[in-house]
């Protein structure tokens, strides 16, 4: 669930006089471009927005012995633009995740599947309610109130650093390293643009002690699940269907 992000860009500005008298024209000339690619195991966000070119200009000015005030102005503009661009992406997604409380009763639900992840040497357990599984069995969208809980464990490793396996060839479960939650509620998601929104789903990540993992980038979840609108944005929809009684 972790992204890579790059911030770069361009603000038209030649010297201190243009900064003082041509601010509006410089701002209107600023361009940005966002490119998002998604895949089941991760995603990349490339943001070309205001900032990096201005910083490069400041470095060039410094190397040439440029005016201190001009250099400082360049750096202030670059820092502010980069900060605003980052907030524009992160703030709405993080606010949405804050709607989700840790699902203390998730183990009372159904452990509907487990997954071995060889790429990151993890063993994962997935829990959901019987009502959610019944809806999947009928081929219907999952009901409001559905919570899907993923418990993440480090796989036990042998002396060579490879996951140890049981008699069935499955990873042996090691220490709990975190939780990832997706929850659906009527009316959720309305604040997102169409290219981000996952129906009425929100996502949240928790540490092993059940506190929110504020380092998690929840945008990864939205990008990863976005292509799955035909199965209610759930990767394991068919596993849920098979587990229903």
C-alpha atoms as a PDB file:
ATOM      1  CA  UNK A   1       0.000   0.000   0.000  1.00  0.00           C
ATOM      2  CA  UNK A   2       2.864   2.337  -0.217  1.00  0.00           C
ATOM      3  CA  UNK A   3       3.387   4.804  -3.058  1.00  0.00           C
ATOM      4  CA  UNK A   4       6.232   6.629  -4.547  1.00  0.00           C
ATOM      5  CA  UNK A   5       5.657  10.235  -5.217  1.00  0.00           C
ATOM      6  CA  UNK A   6       7.599  12.853  -7.070  1.00  0.00           C
ATOM      7  CA  UNK A   7       6.921  16.578  -7.139  1.00  0.00           C
ATOM      8  CA  UNK A   8       8.348  18.714  -9.917  1.00  0.00           C
ATOM      9  CA  UNK A   9       7.208  21.692 -11.948  1.00  0.00           C
ATOM     10  CA  UNK A  10       7.737  25.080 -13.434  1.00  0.00           C
ATOM     11  CA  UNK A  11       6.924  28.651 -12.462  1.00  0.00           C
ATOM     12  CA  UNK A  12       7.675  31.304 -15.114  1.00  0.00           C
ATOM     13  CA  UNK A  13       9.973  33.893 -13.526  1.00  0.00           C
ATOM     14  CA  UNK A  14      13.126  35.540 -14.819  1.00  0.00           C
ATOM     15  CA  UNK A  15      14.275  38.027 -12.183  1.00  0.00           C
ATOM     16  CA  UNK A  16      13.182  39.971  -9.133  1.00  0.00           C
ATOM     17  CA  UNK A  17      11.433  42.660 -11.153  1.00  0.00           C
ATOM     18  CA  UNK A  18       9.237  40.110 -12.946  1.00  0.00           C
ATOM     19  CA  UNK A  19       8.399  38.565  -9.585  1.00  0.00           C
ATOM     20  CA  UNK A  20       7.268  41.959  -8.302  1.00  0.00           C
ATOM     21  CA  UNK A  21       5.344  43.190 -11.369  1.00  0.00           C
ATOM     22  CA  UNK A  22       4.365  40.063 -13.250  1.00  0.00           C
ATOM     23  CA  UNK A  23       3.160  37.771 -10.478  1.00  0.00           C
ATOM     24  CA  UNK A  24      -0.261  37.212 -11.977  1.00  0.00           C
ATOM     25  CA  UNK A  25       1.065  36.363 -15.440  1.00  0.00           C
ATOM     26  CA  UNK A  26       3.637  33.995 -13.944  1.00  0.00           C
ATOM     27  CA  UNK A  27       0.983  32.206 -11.936  1.00  0.00           C
ATOM     28  CA  UNK A  28      -1.331  31.860 -14.919  1.00  0.00           C
ATOM     29  CA  UNK A  29       1.520  30.377 -16.943  1.00  0.00           C
ATOM     30  CA  UNK A  30       2.253  27.687 -14.342  1.00  0.00           C
ATOM     31  CA  UNK A  31       1.428  24.181 -15.555  1.00  0.00           C
ATOM     32  CA  UNK A  32       0.896  20.910 -13.858  1.00  0.00           C
ATOM     33  CA  UNK A  33       0.360  17.355 -14.958  1.00  0.00           C
ATOM     34  CA  UNK A  34      -0.587  14.290 -13.010  1.00  0.00           C
ATOM     35  CA  UNK A  35      -0.023  10.757 -14.196  1.00  0.00           C
ATOM     36  CA  UNK A  36      -1.221   7.748 -12.238  1.00  0.00           C
ATOM     37  CA  UNK A  37      -0.553   4.125 -13.036  1.00  0.00           C
ATOM     38  CA  UNK A  38      -2.158   1.321 -11.087  1.00  0.00           C
ATOM     39  CA  UNK A  39      -1.416  -2.355 -10.557  1.00  0.00           C
ATOM     40  CA  UNK A  40      -2.468  -5.041  -8.112  1.00  0.00           C
ATOM     41  CA  UNK A  41       0.725  -4.788  -6.085  1.00  0.00           C
ATOM     42  CA  UNK A  42       1.337  -1.087  -6.109  1.00  0.00           C
ATOM     43  CA  UNK A  43       1.200   2.211  -7.943  1.00  0.00           C
ATOM     44  CA  UNK A  44       3.190   5.247  -8.840  1.00  0.00           C
ATOM     45  CA  UNK A  45       2.162   8.889  -8.795  1.00  0.00           C
ATOM     46  CA  UNK A  46       4.109  11.410 -10.856  1.00  0.00           C
ATOM     47  CA  UNK A  47       3.089  15.012 -10.287  1.00  0.00           C
ATOM     48  CA  UNK A  48       4.571  17.729 -12.438  1.00  0.00           C
ATOM     49  CA  UNK A  49       3.483  20.865 -10.643  1.00  0.00           C
ATOM     50  CA  UNK A  50       4.899  24.249  -9.615  1.00  0.00           C
ATOM     51  CA  UNK A  51       8.120  24.090  -7.658  1.00  0.00           C
ATOM     52  CA  UNK A  52      11.131  22.162  -8.863  1.00  0.00           C
ATOM     53  CA  UNK A  53      12.112  24.438 -11.751  1.00  0.00           C
ATOM     54  CA  UNK A  54      11.991  27.412  -9.402  1.00  0.00           C
ATOM     55  CA  UNK A  55      14.342  25.617  -7.017  1.00  0.00           C
ATOM     56  CA  UNK A  56      16.747  24.902  -9.886  1.00  0.00           C
ATOM     57  CA  UNK A  57      16.730  28.599 -10.792  1.00  0.00           C
ATOM     58  CA  UNK A  58      17.611  29.439  -7.186  1.00  0.00           C
ATOM     59  CA  UNK A  59      20.552  27.039  -7.230  1.00  0.00           C
ATOM     60  CA  UNK A  60      21.805  28.528 -10.502  1.00  0.00           C
ATOM     61  CA  UNK A  61      21.482  32.036  -9.078  1.00  0.00           C
ATOM     62  CA  UNK A  62      23.444  31.032  -5.990  1.00  0.00           C
ATOM     63  CA  UNK A  63      26.229  29.453  -8.057  1.00  0.00           C
ATOM     64  CA  UNK A  64      26.533  32.690 -10.028  1.00  0.00           C
ATOM     65  CA  UNK A  65      26.672  34.812  -6.916  1.00  0.00           C
ATOM     66  CA  UNK A  66      23.120  36.051  -7.409  1.00  0.00           C
ATOM     67  CA  UNK A  67      21.192  38.487  -5.251  1.00  0.00           C
ATOM     68  CA  UNK A  68      20.289  36.988  -1.855  1.00  0.00           C
ATOM     69  CA  UNK A  69      16.753  38.352  -1.954  1.00  0.00           C
ATOM     70  CA  UNK A  70      16.156  36.868  -5.402  1.00  0.00           C
ATOM     71  CA  UNK A  71      17.419  33.450  -4.311  1.00  0.00           C
ATOM     72  CA  UNK A  72      15.293  33.563  -1.176  1.00  0.00           C
ATOM     73  CA  UNK A  73      12.205  34.461  -3.210  1.00  0.00           C
ATOM     74  CA  UNK A  74      12.770  31.530  -5.552  1.00  0.00           C
ATOM     75  CA  UNK A  75      13.067  29.107  -2.641  1.00  0.00           C
ATOM     76  CA  UNK A  76       9.977  30.415  -0.851  1.00  0.00           C
ATOM     77  CA  UNK A  77       7.885  30.015  -4.009  1.00  0.00           C
ATOM     78  CA  UNK A  78       9.209  26.496  -4.639  1.00  0.00           C
ATOM     79  CA  UNK A  79       8.575  25.347  -1.070  1.00  0.00           C
ATOM     80  CA  UNK A  80       5.061  26.769  -0.957  1.00  0.00           C
ATOM     81  CA  UNK A  81       4.091  25.258  -4.308  1.00  0.00           C
ATOM     82  CA  UNK A  82       5.382  21.816  -3.364  1.00  0.00           C
ATOM     83  CA  UNK A  83       3.569  21.888  -0.019  1.00  0.00           C
ATOM     84  CA  UNK A  84       0.274  22.918  -1.591  1.00  0.00           C
ATOM     85  CA  UNK A  85       0.535  20.206  -4.242  1.00  0.00           C
ATOM     86  CA  UNK A  86       1.153  17.523  -1.614  1.00  0.00           C
ATOM     87  CA  UNK A  87      -1.738  18.704   0.551  1.00  0.00           C
ATOM     88  CA  UNK A  88      -4.090  18.741  -2.421  1.00  0.00           C
ATOM     89  CA  UNK A  89      -3.573  14.989  -2.846  1.00  0.00           C
ATOM     90  CA  UNK A  90      -3.143  13.742   0.707  1.00  0.00           C
ATOM     91  CA  UNK A  91      -5.593  15.749   2.774  1.00  0.00           C
ATOM     92  CA  UNK A  92      -8.935  14.518   1.342  1.00  0.00           C
ATOM     93  CA  UNK A  93      -7.860  10.855   1.345  1.00  0.00           C
ATOM     94  CA  UNK A  94      -6.540  10.964   4.909  1.00  0.00           C
ATOM     95  CA  UNK A  95      -9.684  12.732   6.126  1.00  0.00           C
ATOM     96  CA  UNK A  96     -11.821   9.990   4.593  1.00  0.00           C
ATOM     97  CA  UNK A  97      -9.849   7.258   6.329  1.00  0.00           C
ATOM     98  CA  UNK A  98     -10.428   8.925   9.669  1.00  0.00           C
ATOM     99  CA  UNK A  99     -14.074   7.834   9.456  1.00  0.00           C
ATOM    100  CA  UNK A 100     -12.975   4.257  10.127  1.00  0.00           C
ATOM    101  CA  UNK A 101     -12.572   3.034  13.696  1.00  0.00           C
ATOM    102  CA  UNK A 102     -10.563  -0.082  14.429  1.00  0.00           C
ATOM    103  CA  UNK A 103     -12.900  -3.100  13.993  1.00  0.00           C
ATOM    104  CA  UNK A 104     -12.493  -4.716  17.403  1.00  0.00           C
ATOM    105  CA  UNK A 105     -15.003  -7.470  16.629  1.00  0.00           C
ATOM    106  CA  UNK A 106     -13.591  -8.502  13.244  1.00  0.00           C
ATOM    107  CA  UNK A 107     -12.553 -11.947  14.491  1.00  0.00           C
ATOM    108  CA  UNK A 108     -16.217 -12.669  15.251  1.00  0.00           C
ATOM    109  CA  UNK A 109     -16.777 -12.562  11.506  1.00  0.00           C
ATOM    110  CA  UNK A 110     -15.683 -15.099   8.910  1.00  0.00           C
ATOM    111  CA  UNK A 111     -12.039 -15.764   8.079  1.00  0.00           C
ATOM    112  CA  UNK A 112     -12.842 -16.220   4.405  1.00  0.00           C
ATOM    113  CA  UNK A 113      -9.356 -16.619   2.925  1.00  0.00           C
ATOM    114  CA  UNK A 114      -5.621 -16.410   3.587  1.00  0.00           C
ATOM    115  CA  UNK A 115      -2.903 -15.279   1.201  1.00  0.00           C
ATOM    116  CA  UNK A 116       0.843 -15.939   1.016  1.00  0.00           C
ATOM    117  CA  UNK A 117       2.702 -12.944  -0.406  1.00  0.00           C
ATOM    118  CA  UNK A 118       6.089 -14.121  -1.652  1.00  0.00           C
ATOM    119  CA  UNK A 119       7.069 -10.649  -2.883  1.00  0.00           C
ATOM    120  CA  UNK A 120       7.140  -9.138   0.601  1.00  0.00           C
ATOM    121  CA  UNK A 121       7.261 -12.356   2.657  1.00  0.00           C
ATOM    122  CA  UNK A 122       3.922 -11.817   4.350  1.00  0.00           C
ATOM    123  CA  UNK A 123       1.055 -14.036   5.422  1.00  0.00           C
ATOM    124  CA  UNK A 124      -2.363 -12.362   5.343  1.00  0.00           C
ATOM    125  CA  UNK A 125      -5.759 -13.209   6.817  1.00  0.00           C
ATOM    126  CA  UNK A 126      -9.016 -11.688   5.551  1.00  0.00           C
ATOM    127  CA  UNK A 127     -12.174 -11.325   7.639  1.00  0.00           C
ATOM    128  CA  UNK A 128     -15.687 -10.156   6.725  1.00  0.00           C
ATOM    129  CA  UNK A 129     -19.252 -10.571   7.972  1.00  0.00           C
ATOM    130  CA  UNK A 130     -21.548 -13.409   6.915  1.00  0.00           C
ATOM    131  CA  UNK A 131     -23.901 -10.803   5.411  1.00  0.00           C
ATOM    132  CA  UNK A 132     -21.127  -9.562   3.128  1.00  0.00           C
ATOM    133  CA  UNK A 133     -20.346 -13.109   2.001  1.00  0.00           C
ATOM    134  CA  UNK A 134     -24.031 -13.774   1.303  1.00  0.00           C
ATOM    135  CA  UNK A 135     -24.218 -10.685  -0.909  1.00  0.00           C
ATOM    136  CA  UNK A 136     -21.140 -11.813  -2.829  1.00  0.00           C
ATOM    137  CA  UNK A 137     -22.653 -15.271  -3.295  1.00  0.00           C
ATOM    138  CA  UNK A 138     -25.676 -13.622  -4.945  1.00  0.00           C
ATOM    139  CA  UNK A 139     -23.430 -11.500  -7.142  1.00  0.00           C
ATOM    140  CA  UNK A 140     -24.648  -8.316  -5.457  1.00  0.00           C
ATOM    141  CA  UNK A 141     -22.761  -5.260  -4.180  1.00  0.00           C
ATOM    142  CA  UNK A 142     -21.702  -5.698  -0.571  1.00  0.00           C
ATOM    143  CA  UNK A 143     -24.114  -4.059   1.907  1.00  0.00           C
ATOM    144  CA  UNK A 144     -23.576  -0.785   3.730  1.00  0.00           C
ATOM    145  CA  UNK A 145     -21.715  -1.489   6.960  1.00  0.00           C
ATOM    146  CA  UNK A 146     -19.418  -4.094   5.398  1.00  0.00           C
ATOM    147  CA  UNK A 147     -15.940  -4.144   6.912  1.00  0.00           C
ATOM    148  CA  UNK A 148     -13.167  -6.206   5.331  1.00  0.00           C
ATOM    149  CA  UNK A 149     -10.194  -6.633   7.651  1.00  0.00           C
ATOM    150  CA  UNK A 150      -6.765  -7.757   6.507  1.00  0.00           C
ATOM    151  CA  UNK A 151      -4.386  -8.922   9.230  1.00  0.00           C
ATOM    152  CA  UNK A 152      -0.782  -8.763   8.041  1.00  0.00           C
ATOM    153  CA  UNK A 153       1.898 -11.053   9.467  1.00  0.00           C
ATOM    154  CA  UNK A 154       5.558 -11.402   8.678  1.00  0.00           C
ATOM    155  CA  UNK A 155       6.250 -14.914   7.449  1.00  0.00           C
ATOM    156  CA  UNK A 156       8.626 -16.998   9.543  1.00  0.00           C
ATOM    157  CA  UNK A 157      11.974 -17.205   7.755  1.00  0.00           C
ATOM    158  CA  UNK A 158      14.609 -19.929   7.605  1.00  0.00           C
ATOM    159  CA  UNK A 159      18.355 -19.399   7.935  1.00  0.00           C
ATOM    160  CA  UNK A 160      18.552 -18.342   4.287  1.00  0.00           C
ATOM    161  CA  UNK A 161      15.832 -15.719   4.710  1.00  0.00           C
ATOM    162  CA  UNK A 162      13.173 -17.684   2.842  1.00  0.00           C
ATOM    163  CA  UNK A 163       9.629 -18.171   4.195  1.00  0.00           C
ATOM    164  CA  UNK A 164       9.178 -21.401   6.117  1.00  0.00           C
ATOM    165  CA  UNK A 165       6.249 -23.551   4.986  1.00  0.00           C
ATOM    166  CA  UNK A 166       3.882 -26.046   6.571  1.00  0.00           C
ATOM    167  CA  UNK A 167       3.004 -29.524   5.287  1.00  0.00           C
ATOM    168  CA  UNK A 168       0.610 -27.963   2.752  1.00  0.00           C
ATOM    169  CA  UNK A 169       3.233 -25.605   1.373  1.00  0.00           C
ATOM    170  CA  UNK A 170       1.744 -22.524   3.037  1.00  0.00           C
ATOM    171  CA  UNK A 171       3.751 -19.839   4.808  1.00  0.00           C
ATOM    172  CA  UNK A 172       4.139 -20.138   8.563  1.00  0.00           C
ATOM    173  CA  UNK A 173       2.738 -17.115  10.372  1.00  0.00           C
ATOM    174  CA  UNK A 174       5.191 -14.918  12.271  1.00  0.00           C
ATOM    175  CA  UNK A 175       4.659 -11.628  14.095  1.00  0.00           C
ATOM    176  CA  UNK A 176       1.636  -9.429  13.468  1.00  0.00           C
ATOM    177  CA  UNK A 177       2.819  -6.309  11.616  1.00  0.00           C
ATOM    178  CA  UNK A 178      -0.397  -4.407  10.905  1.00  0.00           C
ATOM    179  CA  UNK A 179      -3.982  -4.210   9.706  1.00  0.00           C
ATOM    180  CA  UNK A 180      -5.567  -2.811   6.564  1.00  0.00           C
ATOM    181  CA  UNK A 181      -9.289  -2.050   6.587  1.00  0.00           C
ATOM    182  CA  UNK A 182     -11.831  -1.237   3.910  1.00  0.00           C
ATOM    183  CA  UNK A 183     -15.293  -0.180   5.061  1.00  0.00           C
ATOM    184  CA  UNK A 184     -18.454   0.722   3.152  1.00  0.00           C
ATOM    185  CA  UNK A 185     -21.160   3.103   4.369  1.00  0.00           C
ATOM    186  CA  UNK A 186     -24.070   4.735   2.577  1.00  0.00           C
ATOM    187  CA  UNK A 187     -23.071   8.216   1.446  1.00  0.00           C
ATOM    188  CA  UNK A 188     -19.334   7.767   1.892  1.00  0.00           C
ATOM    189  CA  UNK A 189     -17.030   8.833  -0.920  1.00  0.00           C
ATOM    190  CA  UNK A 190     -19.090  11.774  -2.167  1.00  0.00           C
ATOM    191  CA  UNK A 191     -16.220  14.196  -1.524  1.00  0.00           C
ATOM    192  CA  UNK A 192     -13.910  12.481  -4.031  1.00  0.00           C
ATOM    193  CA  UNK A 193     -13.687  13.207  -7.767  1.00  0.00           C
ATOM    194  CA  UNK A 194     -14.869  10.438 -10.081  1.00  0.00           C
ATOM    195  CA  UNK A 195     -11.323   9.452 -11.014  1.00  0.00           C
ATOM    196  CA  UNK A 196     -10.545   8.677  -7.349  1.00  0.00           C
ATOM    197  CA  UNK A 197     -13.811   7.538  -5.783  1.00  0.00           C
ATOM    198  CA  UNK A 198     -14.265   3.834  -4.989  1.00  0.00           C
ATOM    199  CA  UNK A 199     -18.043   3.818  -4.687  1.00  0.00           C
ATOM    200  CA  UNK A 200     -18.847   4.193  -0.978  1.00  0.00           C
ATOM    201  CA  UNK A 201     -15.644   2.606   0.302  1.00  0.00           C
ATOM    202  CA  UNK A 202     -13.030   4.148   2.580  1.00  0.00           C
ATOM    203  CA  UNK A 203      -9.673   2.700   3.654  1.00  0.00           C
ATOM    204  CA  UNK A 204      -7.544   2.860   6.775  1.00  0.00           C
ATOM    205  CA  UNK A 205      -4.347   1.268   8.071  1.00  0.00           C
ATOM    206  CA  UNK A 206      -3.571   0.402  11.678  1.00  0.00           C
ATOM    207  CA  UNK A 207      -0.422  -0.609  13.519  1.00  0.00           C
ATOM    208  CA  UNK A 208      -0.221  -3.852  15.528  1.00  0.00           C
ATOM    209  CA  UNK A 209      -1.264  -1.892  18.638  1.00  0.00           C
ATOM    210  CA  UNK A 210      -4.466  -0.854  16.763  1.00  0.00           C
ATOM    211  CA  UNK A 211      -3.524   2.810  16.504  1.00  0.00           C
ATOM    212  CA  UNK A 212      -3.806   4.529  13.124  1.00  0.00           C
ATOM    213  CA  UNK A 213      -0.770   4.144  10.896  1.00  0.00           C
ATOM    214  CA  UNK A 214      -0.395   7.778   9.856  1.00  0.00           C
ATOM    215  CA  UNK A 215       2.549   6.899   7.589  1.00  0.00           C
ATOM    216  CA  UNK A 216       0.299   4.866   5.284  1.00  0.00           C
ATOM    217  CA  UNK A 217      -0.689   6.538   2.022  1.00  0.00           C
ATOM    218  CA  UNK A 218      -4.334   5.628   1.606  1.00  0.00           C
ATOM    219  CA  UNK A 219      -4.290   6.857  -1.967  1.00  0.00           C
ATOM    220  CA  UNK A 220      -2.588   3.553  -2.820  1.00  0.00           C
ATOM    221  CA  UNK A 221      -5.749   1.696  -1.862  1.00  0.00           C
ATOM    222  CA  UNK A 222      -7.973   3.907  -4.015  1.00  0.00           C
ATOM    223  CA  UNK A 223      -5.713   3.562  -7.043  1.00  0.00           C
ATOM    224  CA  UNK A 224      -5.288  -0.180  -6.640  1.00  0.00           C
ATOM    225  CA  UNK A 225      -9.007  -0.934  -6.248  1.00  0.00           C
ATOM    226  CA  UNK A 226     -10.308   1.664  -8.726  1.00  0.00           C
ATOM    227  CA  UNK A 227     -10.431  -0.707 -11.759  1.00  0.00           C
ATOM    228  CA  UNK A 228     -12.643  -3.194  -9.856  1.00  0.00           C
ATOM    229  CA  UNK A 229     -15.974  -1.352 -10.067  1.00  0.00           C
ATOM    230  CA  UNK A 230     -17.652  -4.425 -11.610  1.00  0.00           C
ATOM    231  CA  UNK A 231     -17.018  -6.380  -8.394  1.00  0.00           C
ATOM    232  CA  UNK A 232     -17.688  -3.588  -5.902  1.00  0.00           C
ATOM    233  CA  UNK A 233     -13.999  -2.608  -5.780  1.00  0.00           C
ATOM    234  CA  UNK A 234     -13.060  -5.790  -3.896  1.00  0.00           C
ATOM    235  CA  UNK A 235     -10.134  -7.918  -5.108  1.00  0.00           C
ATOM    236  CA  UNK A 236     -11.250 -10.988  -3.173  1.00  0.00           C
ATOM    237  CA  UNK A 237     -14.920 -10.808  -4.187  1.00  0.00           C
ATOM    238  CA  UNK A 238     -14.787 -14.315  -5.694  1.00  0.00           C
ATOM    239  CA  UNK A 239     -13.130 -15.667  -2.533  1.00  0.00           C
ATOM    240  CA  UNK A 240     -15.961 -14.170  -0.501  1.00  0.00           C
ATOM    241  CA  UNK A 241     -18.495 -15.757  -2.834  1.00  0.00           C
ATOM    242  CA  UNK A 242     -16.839 -19.171  -2.469  1.00  0.00           C
ATOM    243  CA  UNK A 243     -16.722 -18.899   1.334  1.00  0.00           C
ATOM    244  CA  UNK A 244     -20.442 -18.128   1.719  1.00  0.00           C
ATOM    245  CA  UNK A 245     -22.514 -20.966   3.197  1.00  0.00           C
END
